[in-house]
């Protein structure tokens, strides 16, 4: 995936995860989308995904 497209995907991930009512696993979220990413891009996207989930759902439990 081109870098510009990857940055758009990152923004979509941020929007999507911010709207989750419950935490999903990366497998559920990226199931169909994995083929679009290079290995490095997927690693970065999954890391970001879990960081956002952690921030969103850890605040609710405090």
C-alpha atoms as a PDB file:
ATOM      1  CA  UNK A   1       0.000   0.000   0.000  1.00  0.00           C
ATOM      2  CA  UNK A   2       1.307   3.453  -0.833  1.00  0.00           C
ATOM      3  CA  UNK A   3       2.284   5.649   2.123  1.00  0.00           C
ATOM      4  CA  UNK A   4      -0.480   8.176   1.403  1.00  0.00           C
ATOM      5  CA  UNK A   5      -3.091   5.399   1.391  1.00  0.00           C
ATOM      6  CA  UNK A   6      -1.600   3.980   4.573  1.00  0.00           C
ATOM      7  CA  UNK A   7      -1.952   7.345   6.333  1.00  0.00           C
ATOM      8  CA  UNK A   8      -5.622   7.468   5.304  1.00  0.00           C
ATOM      9  CA  UNK A   9      -6.083   3.973   6.706  1.00  0.00           C
ATOM     10  CA  UNK A  10      -4.461   5.049   9.971  1.00  0.00           C
ATOM     11  CA  UNK A  11      -6.956   7.902  10.265  1.00  0.00           C
ATOM     12  CA  UNK A  12      -9.830   5.495   9.580  1.00  0.00           C
ATOM     13  CA  UNK A  13      -8.536   3.133  12.251  1.00  0.00           C
ATOM     14  CA  UNK A  14      -8.427   5.991  14.760  1.00  0.00           C
ATOM     15  CA  UNK A  15     -12.006   6.956  13.915  1.00  0.00           C
ATOM     16  CA  UNK A  16     -13.281   3.383  13.973  1.00  0.00           C
ATOM     17  CA  UNK A  17     -11.665   2.397  17.256  1.00  0.00           C
ATOM     18  CA  UNK A  18     -12.736   5.631  18.934  1.00  0.00           C
ATOM     19  CA  UNK A  19     -16.328   4.692  18.141  1.00  0.00           C
ATOM     20  CA  UNK A  20     -16.186   1.135  19.496  1.00  0.00           C
ATOM     21  CA  UNK A  21     -18.653   0.418  22.300  1.00  0.00           C
ATOM     22  CA  UNK A  22     -16.751  -2.731  23.278  1.00  0.00           C
ATOM     23  CA  UNK A  23     -13.120  -3.713  22.625  1.00  0.00           C
ATOM     24  CA  UNK A  24     -12.554  -5.888  19.563  1.00  0.00           C
ATOM     25  CA  UNK A  25      -9.495  -7.951  18.783  1.00  0.00           C
ATOM     26  CA  UNK A  26      -7.162  -6.972  15.976  1.00  0.00           C
ATOM     27  CA  UNK A  27      -8.097 -10.250  14.267  1.00  0.00           C
ATOM     28  CA  UNK A  28     -11.735  -9.214  14.137  1.00  0.00           C
ATOM     29  CA  UNK A  29     -10.968  -5.721  12.913  1.00  0.00           C
ATOM     30  CA  UNK A  30      -8.245  -6.506  10.360  1.00  0.00           C
ATOM     31  CA  UNK A  31      -9.616  -9.856   9.154  1.00  0.00           C
ATOM     32  CA  UNK A  32     -10.334  -8.812   5.571  1.00  0.00           C
ATOM     33  CA  UNK A  33      -8.009  -5.830   5.422  1.00  0.00           C
ATOM     34  CA  UNK A  34      -4.690  -7.575   6.130  1.00  0.00           C
ATOM     35  CA  UNK A  35      -3.931  -8.240   2.465  1.00  0.00           C
ATOM     36  CA  UNK A  36      -3.878  -4.499   1.761  1.00  0.00           C
ATOM     37  CA  UNK A  37      -0.995  -3.820   4.155  1.00  0.00           C
ATOM     38  CA  UNK A  38       2.684  -4.648   3.929  1.00  0.00           C
ATOM     39  CA  UNK A  39       4.078  -6.505   6.967  1.00  0.00           C
ATOM     40  CA  UNK A  40       5.559  -3.314   8.451  1.00  0.00           C
ATOM     41  CA  UNK A  41       2.361  -1.371   7.821  1.00  0.00           C
ATOM     42  CA  UNK A  42       0.242  -4.070   9.418  1.00  0.00           C
ATOM     43  CA  UNK A  43       2.520  -4.160  12.458  1.00  0.00           C
ATOM     44  CA  UNK A  44       2.218  -0.381  12.856  1.00  0.00           C
ATOM     45  CA  UNK A  45      -1.549  -0.447  12.326  1.00  0.00           C
ATOM     46  CA  UNK A  46      -2.101  -3.229  14.865  1.00  0.00           C
ATOM     47  CA  UNK A  47       0.117  -1.475  17.412  1.00  0.00           C
ATOM     48  CA  UNK A  48      -1.866   1.731  16.951  1.00  0.00           C
ATOM     49  CA  UNK A  49      -5.132  -0.211  17.154  1.00  0.00           C
ATOM     50  CA  UNK A  50      -4.222  -1.658  20.558  1.00  0.00           C
ATOM     51  CA  UNK A  51      -2.869   1.671  21.850  1.00  0.00           C
ATOM     52  CA  UNK A  52      -6.149   3.384  21.056  1.00  0.00           C
ATOM     53  CA  UNK A  53      -8.161   0.542  22.587  1.00  0.00           C
ATOM     54  CA  UNK A  54      -6.055   0.701  25.740  1.00  0.00           C
ATOM     55  CA  UNK A  55      -6.536   4.448  26.062  1.00  0.00           C
ATOM     56  CA  UNK A  56     -10.261   4.311  25.349  1.00  0.00           C
ATOM     57  CA  UNK A  57     -11.211   1.401  27.578  1.00  0.00           C
ATOM     58  CA  UNK A  58      -8.761   1.890  30.433  1.00  0.00           C
ATOM     59  CA  UNK A  59     -10.182   5.375  31.072  1.00  0.00           C
ATOM     60  CA  UNK A  60     -13.710   3.992  31.371  1.00  0.00           C
ATOM     61  CA  UNK A  61     -12.690   1.552  34.076  1.00  0.00           C
ATOM     62  CA  UNK A  62     -11.010   4.166  36.322  1.00  0.00           C
END
